[in-house]
Protein backbone atom coordinates (compact mmCIF):
# COMPACT_ATOMS: atom_id res chain seq x y z
CA MET A 1 81.54 89.97 115.04
CA HIS A 2 80.05 93.46 115.08
CA VAL A 3 83.50 95.07 114.96
CA ARG A 4 84.34 93.11 111.82
CA ARG A 5 81.11 94.16 110.14
CA GLU A 6 81.68 97.77 111.09
CA LEU A 7 85.22 97.59 109.69
CA GLU A 8 83.93 96.08 106.46
CA PHE A 9 81.41 98.89 106.17
CA GLU A 10 84.06 101.55 106.89
CA PHE A 11 86.49 100.11 104.35
CA ARG A 12 83.90 99.91 101.64
CA SER A 13 82.76 103.46 102.42
CA LYS A 14 86.33 104.76 102.28
CA LEU A 15 86.96 102.94 99.03
CA ILE A 16 83.84 104.33 97.39
CA ASN A 17 84.60 107.81 98.72
CA LEU A 18 88.19 107.64 97.47
CA ARG A 19 87.09 106.54 94.01
CA GLN A 20 84.49 109.29 93.76
CA SER A 21 86.91 111.91 95.04
CA TYR A 22 89.54 110.72 92.60
CA LEU A 23 87.21 111.15 89.64
CA GLU A 24 86.29 114.64 90.81
CA ALA A 25 89.91 115.55 91.55
CA ILE A 26 91.11 114.65 88.11
CA ARG A 27 88.90 117.41 86.84
CA LYS A 28 89.85 119.83 89.60
CA LYS A 29 93.51 118.81 90.05
CA GLU A 30 93.00 118.14 93.78
CA VAL A 31 94.79 114.81 93.97
CA GLU A 32 97.06 115.99 96.80
CA LEU A 33 94.08 116.83 99.02
CA ILE A 34 92.60 113.36 98.55
CA ALA A 35 95.85 111.66 99.48
CA LYS A 36 96.29 113.78 102.60
CA LYS A 37 92.75 113.00 103.79
CA THR A 38 93.17 109.24 103.41
CA ILE A 39 95.74 108.65 106.16
CA PRO A 40 93.77 110.08 109.11
CA THR A 41 90.55 108.42 108.00
CA LEU A 42 92.21 105.00 108.02
CA LEU A 43 93.53 105.23 111.58
CA PRO A 44 90.28 104.23 113.33
CA ILE A 45 90.04 101.29 110.95
CA PHE A 46 93.58 100.24 111.80
CA TYR A 47 92.70 100.43 115.51
CA GLY A 48 89.78 98.10 114.80
CA LEU A 49 92.03 95.64 112.97
CA LEU A 50 94.40 95.58 115.93
CA TYR A 51 91.47 95.08 118.27
CA LEU A 52 90.35 92.06 116.25
CA LYS A 53 93.81 90.54 116.81
CA GLY A 54 93.58 91.30 120.55
CA MET A 55 96.39 93.83 120.33
CA ARG A 56 96.87 97.21 121.84
CA ALA A 57 97.76 99.98 119.42
CA PRO A 58 101.11 101.71 119.79
CA GLU A 59 101.10 105.47 120.25
CA SER A 60 102.76 106.33 116.95
CA ILE A 61 101.17 106.10 113.54
CA GLU A 62 104.33 104.44 112.25
CA GLY A 63 104.06 101.78 114.96
CA ILE A 64 100.45 101.09 114.07
CA GLN A 65 101.32 100.78 110.40
CA ASP A 66 104.23 98.44 111.15
CA ILE A 67 102.05 96.10 113.20
CA ILE A 68 99.27 96.12 110.60
CA GLU A 69 101.80 95.24 107.91
CA LYS A 70 103.27 92.37 109.92
CA ARG A 71 100.06 90.90 111.34
CA TYR A 72 97.99 91.19 108.18
CA LYS A 73 100.85 90.78 105.68
CA ILE A 74 99.99 93.82 103.59
CA ASN A 75 102.16 96.60 102.22
CA LEU A 76 101.36 100.08 103.52
CA GLU A 77 104.32 101.71 101.78
CA VAL A 78 102.09 104.13 99.86
CA LEU A 79 100.70 105.47 103.17
CA LYS A 80 104.12 105.72 104.75
CA SER A 81 105.49 107.49 101.72
CA LEU A 82 102.65 110.03 101.72
CA GLN A 83 102.94 110.53 105.44
CA ASN A 84 106.66 111.29 105.17
CA ASN A 85 106.13 113.46 102.08
CA ASN A 86 108.38 111.13 100.07
CA SER A 87 105.80 110.58 97.38
CA GLN A 88 104.42 112.89 94.78
CA TYR A 89 100.68 113.31 94.77
CA SER A 90 99.80 111.82 91.45
CA GLU A 91 97.09 109.79 89.84
CA GLU A 92 99.34 106.76 90.37
CA THR A 93 99.38 107.44 94.12
CA ILE A 94 95.59 107.51 94.23
CA LYS A 95 95.44 104.29 92.24
CA LYS A 96 97.78 102.67 94.79
CA LEU A 97 95.54 103.89 97.61
CA ILE A 98 92.49 102.42 95.92
CA ILE A 99 94.29 99.09 95.51
CA LEU A 100 95.32 99.21 99.17
CA LEU A 101 91.74 99.81 100.31
CA SER A 102 90.51 97.00 98.08
CA THR A 103 93.14 94.70 99.58
CA LEU A 104 92.12 95.67 103.11
CA SER A 105 88.48 95.08 102.26
CA ASP A 106 89.27 91.61 100.92
CA LEU A 107 91.32 90.90 104.03
CA LEU A 108 88.35 91.78 106.23
CA ASP A 109 86.16 89.37 104.31
CA GLU A 110 88.60 86.58 105.21
CA ILE A 111 88.76 87.32 108.96
CA LYS A 112 87.04 84.67 111.00
CA ILE A 113 85.70 85.57 114.41
């Protein structure tokens, strides 16, 4: 129960931080920096999501993302694309990240322990 609450708090914090950073970055043209910071900050949260499912996390980031996608039925393509440098760092990318964080936050609200 405490893990779920902590994850909810972390997601909401990341979402608020991303939104604030996005607004500042538009003025400063630092969208790329925001996108790069998002991936590592989500890893501990992904570990927590796997823990809630009683799963052990794989060693690779890609493996973690694959399991999260399958178990929670969400699309992490924006993260994978950024991680592999296949995506341009644009306002659209940040918007997709914000939507992803909102989706993850809603998902946490639905988890029953």
